[in-house]
């Protein structure tokens, strides 16, 4: 699935490059994620309903087709972290949002679209978690963007659609208790982009 996402994006970028004079462009982007994942459920019955939010980061590439109305596919590497009491859950993934937007006032635009997500690695308090229910999941992005020539700033909200749990065995005390974390993202994303 990861290769399919990357191949589709590379093909789209080649199409953008061939049609650059028709209001299409591509570039690089990066920024900060203010992230929280879903609930953490311990095997003994306790759970952390509201994990603390933490700052993560992202970096990637984007393409843009159109001017007043546009389609903007992106391919982004994202690293996030959530805190549950004294433990941290970290996740690294590839996001591939496909955004549709429109200018609303001068350089200001709004956008919305699905985000395909492929989880590369998860870790909880130093324990690698290999048993994520679905490595591939789907989310929704919606936000606002300000574009000044080749420089762009956007702020968006991302939420995962479906439950996607990471399951692991807590063997620190020799109990072998099974715990789980809902890995759905719930985050604000601030990005700076540069068209090339």
Protein backbone atom coordinates (compact mmCIF):
# COMPACT_ATOMS: atom_id res chain seq x y z
CA UNK A 1 0.00 0.00 0.00
CA UNK A 2 2.90 2.33 0.81
CA UNK A 3 4.37 1.84 -2.69
CA UNK A 4 0.97 2.53 -4.28
CA UNK A 5 0.64 5.85 -2.43
CA UNK A 6 4.17 6.95 -3.36
CA UNK A 7 3.84 5.83 -7.00
CA UNK A 8 0.54 7.68 -7.43
CA UNK A 9 2.04 10.87 -6.01
CA UNK A 10 5.17 10.67 -8.21
CA UNK A 11 2.99 10.21 -11.30
CA UNK A 12 0.91 13.24 -10.30
CA UNK A 13 4.07 15.34 -9.85
CA UNK A 14 5.26 14.38 -13.33
CA UNK A 15 1.90 15.54 -14.72
CA UNK A 16 2.24 18.82 -12.78
CA UNK A 17 5.70 19.40 -14.20
CA UNK A 18 4.43 18.94 -17.74
CA UNK A 19 1.56 21.42 -17.22
CA UNK A 20 3.26 24.09 -15.06
CA UNK A 21 1.99 26.91 -17.27
CA UNK A 22 -1.67 25.93 -16.67
CA UNK A 23 -1.87 26.98 -13.00
CA UNK A 24 -0.13 23.90 -11.64
CA UNK A 25 2.85 23.78 -9.32
CA UNK A 26 4.70 21.56 -6.88
CA UNK A 27 6.95 22.20 -3.93
CA UNK A 28 8.11 21.31 -0.45
CA UNK A 29 6.46 21.83 2.92
CA UNK A 30 7.05 21.27 6.61
CA UNK A 31 5.81 22.32 9.99
CA UNK A 32 4.45 21.42 13.41
CA UNK A 33 1.71 19.06 14.58
CA UNK A 34 -0.15 19.61 17.84
CA UNK A 35 -1.26 16.03 18.33
CA UNK A 36 -3.32 13.75 20.52
CA UNK A 37 -4.32 10.18 19.82
CA UNK A 38 -7.35 8.35 21.12
CA UNK A 39 -7.90 6.59 24.44
CA UNK A 40 -5.43 4.26 26.12
CA UNK A 41 -7.01 1.18 27.73
CA UNK A 42 -5.05 -0.79 30.30
CA UNK A 43 -5.80 -4.46 30.75
CA UNK A 44 -6.60 -3.92 34.44
CA UNK A 45 -9.54 -1.68 33.56
CA UNK A 46 -8.06 1.81 33.93
CA UNK A 47 -7.99 4.10 30.96
CA UNK A 48 -6.74 7.58 30.05
CA UNK A 49 -9.69 9.33 28.41
CA UNK A 50 -7.89 12.55 27.47
CA UNK A 51 -4.23 12.12 26.55
CA UNK A 52 -2.02 15.19 26.78
CA UNK A 53 -1.22 16.85 23.48
CA UNK A 54 2.38 17.15 22.31
CA UNK A 55 4.23 18.87 19.51
CA UNK A 56 5.31 16.73 16.56
CA UNK A 57 6.58 17.60 13.10
CA UNK A 58 6.05 16.86 9.41
CA UNK A 59 7.96 17.34 6.16
CA UNK A 60 7.01 16.50 2.59
CA UNK A 61 6.10 17.51 -0.93
CA UNK A 62 2.92 18.76 -2.57
CA UNK A 63 1.40 19.40 -5.96
CA UNK A 64 -1.31 21.89 -6.85
CA UNK A 65 -3.61 21.91 -9.89
CA UNK A 66 -5.69 25.00 -10.55
CA UNK A 67 -5.83 28.56 -9.28
CA UNK A 68 -9.17 29.81 -7.92
CA UNK A 69 -10.45 26.24 -7.48
CA UNK A 70 -7.68 23.71 -6.93
CA UNK A 71 -6.75 20.13 -6.11
CA UNK A 72 -3.70 19.67 -3.91
CA UNK A 73 -2.26 16.17 -3.34
CA UNK A 74 0.50 15.90 -0.73
CA UNK A 75 2.95 13.25 0.44
CA UNK A 76 4.14 13.88 3.99
CA UNK A 77 6.30 12.13 6.60
CA UNK A 78 4.80 12.79 10.06
CA UNK A 79 6.14 12.09 13.57
CA UNK A 80 3.78 12.61 16.53
CA UNK A 81 3.64 11.89 20.26
CA UNK A 82 0.85 11.66 22.85
CA UNK A 83 1.29 11.44 26.65
CA UNK A 84 -0.79 9.10 28.82
CA UNK A 85 -0.10 9.86 32.49
CA UNK A 86 3.64 9.17 32.71
CA UNK A 87 3.94 7.20 29.44
CA UNK A 88 4.42 8.40 25.87
CA UNK A 89 3.00 6.94 22.66
CA UNK A 90 4.90 7.93 19.50
CA UNK A 91 3.95 7.26 15.90
CA UNK A 92 5.69 7.77 12.57
CA UNK A 93 3.60 7.61 9.41
CA UNK A 94 3.22 8.68 5.80
CA UNK A 95 0.21 10.90 5.11
CA UNK A 96 -1.19 11.43 1.62
CA UNK A 97 -3.94 14.10 1.78
CA UNK A 98 -5.90 14.86 -1.38
CA UNK A 99 -7.30 18.32 -0.79
CA UNK A 100 -9.87 20.35 -2.74
CA UNK A 101 -9.87 24.09 -2.12
CA UNK A 102 -11.12 27.46 -3.28
CA UNK A 103 -9.95 31.03 -2.85
CA UNK A 104 -12.36 33.04 -0.73
CA UNK A 105 -10.67 36.44 -0.44
CA UNK A 106 -7.49 37.49 -2.23
CA UNK A 107 -4.69 35.09 -1.22
CA UNK A 108 -6.89 33.36 1.41
CA UNK A 109 -8.41 29.96 0.65
CA UNK A 110 -10.22 27.12 2.40
CA UNK A 111 -9.77 23.41 1.72
CA UNK A 112 -11.03 19.98 2.70
CA UNK A 113 -10.23 16.41 1.73
CA UNK A 114 -9.40 12.87 2.77
CA UNK A 115 -6.00 11.87 4.10
CA UNK A 116 -4.64 8.39 3.42
CA UNK A 117 -2.38 7.34 6.29
CA UNK A 118 0.21 4.57 6.37
CA UNK A 119 1.70 3.84 9.81
CA UNK A 120 5.44 3.11 9.65
CA UNK A 121 6.29 2.70 13.35
CA UNK A 122 4.61 2.92 16.76
CA UNK A 123 6.17 2.87 20.22
CA UNK A 124 4.69 3.09 23.73
CA UNK A 125 7.01 3.97 26.63
CA UNK A 126 10.04 2.41 24.91
CA UNK A 127 8.18 -0.70 23.69
CA UNK A 128 7.93 -1.15 19.92
CA UNK A 129 4.33 -1.96 18.96
CA UNK A 130 4.11 -4.11 15.85
CA UNK A 131 0.48 -5.17 16.24
CA UNK A 132 -1.45 -2.16 14.89
CA UNK A 133 -4.89 -3.24 13.70
CA UNK A 134 -4.54 -1.49 10.31
CA UNK A 135 -1.28 -0.03 8.99
CA UNK A 136 -3.42 1.85 6.46
CA UNK A 137 -6.21 4.17 7.63
CA UNK A 138 -8.25 7.15 6.46
CA UNK A 139 -8.74 10.59 7.97
CA UNK A 140 -10.15 14.01 7.11
CA UNK A 141 -8.30 17.33 6.72
CA UNK A 142 -9.98 20.72 6.68
CA UNK A 143 -8.37 24.10 6.99
CA UNK A 144 -7.44 27.56 5.78
CA UNK A 145 -4.43 28.70 3.75
CA UNK A 146 -2.67 31.96 2.93
CA UNK A 147 -0.59 31.97 -0.28
CA UNK A 148 1.75 34.84 -1.16
CA UNK A 149 3.43 34.08 -4.49
CA UNK A 150 5.55 30.97 -3.87
CA UNK A 151 5.21 30.99 -0.07
CA UNK A 152 2.20 29.44 1.67
CA UNK A 153 1.04 29.01 5.25
CA UNK A 154 -1.83 26.74 6.20
CA UNK A 155 -3.55 25.67 9.38
CA UNK A 156 -5.63 22.53 9.32
CA UNK A 157 -7.44 20.10 11.57
CA UNK A 158 -7.03 16.36 10.99
CA UNK A 159 -9.13 13.58 12.46
CA UNK A 160 -8.97 9.85 11.81
CA UNK A 161 -12.27 8.29 10.68
CA UNK A 162 -12.21 4.75 12.04
CA UNK A 163 -10.96 3.08 15.20
CA UNK A 164 -7.45 1.75 14.72
CA UNK A 165 -5.93 0.15 17.80
CA UNK A 166 -2.35 -0.72 18.68
CA UNK A 167 -2.26 -3.76 20.95
CA UNK A 168 0.73 -4.64 23.13
CA UNK A 169 1.63 -6.85 26.09
CA UNK A 170 2.83 -5.12 29.25
CA UNK A 171 5.41 -7.54 30.60
CA UNK A 172 7.21 -5.09 32.93
CA UNK A 173 5.79 -6.79 36.02
CA UNK A 174 5.72 -10.26 34.50
CA UNK A 175 1.93 -10.17 34.27
CA UNK A 176 1.60 -10.39 30.49
CA UNK A 177 -1.45 -8.08 30.57
CA UNK A 178 -2.67 -6.86 27.16
CA UNK A 179 -3.26 -3.13 26.72
CA UNK A 180 -4.37 -1.10 23.73
CA UNK A 181 -4.21 2.44 22.34
CA UNK A 182 -6.52 4.04 19.78
CA UNK A 183 -4.03 5.38 17.20
CA UNK A 184 -6.45 7.71 15.37
CA UNK A 185 -4.93 11.18 14.97
CA UNK A 186 -6.69 14.23 16.40
CA UNK A 187 -4.45 17.15 15.60
CA UNK A 188 -3.88 20.72 14.49
CA UNK A 189 -1.26 21.07 11.77
CA UNK A 190 0.63 24.29 10.95
CA UNK A 191 2.61 24.19 7.69
CA UNK A 192 4.94 26.42 5.70
CA UNK A 193 5.20 25.58 1.99
CA UNK A 194 7.45 26.78 -0.83
CA UNK A 195 6.50 26.27 -4.49
CA UNK A 196 9.50 25.35 -6.68
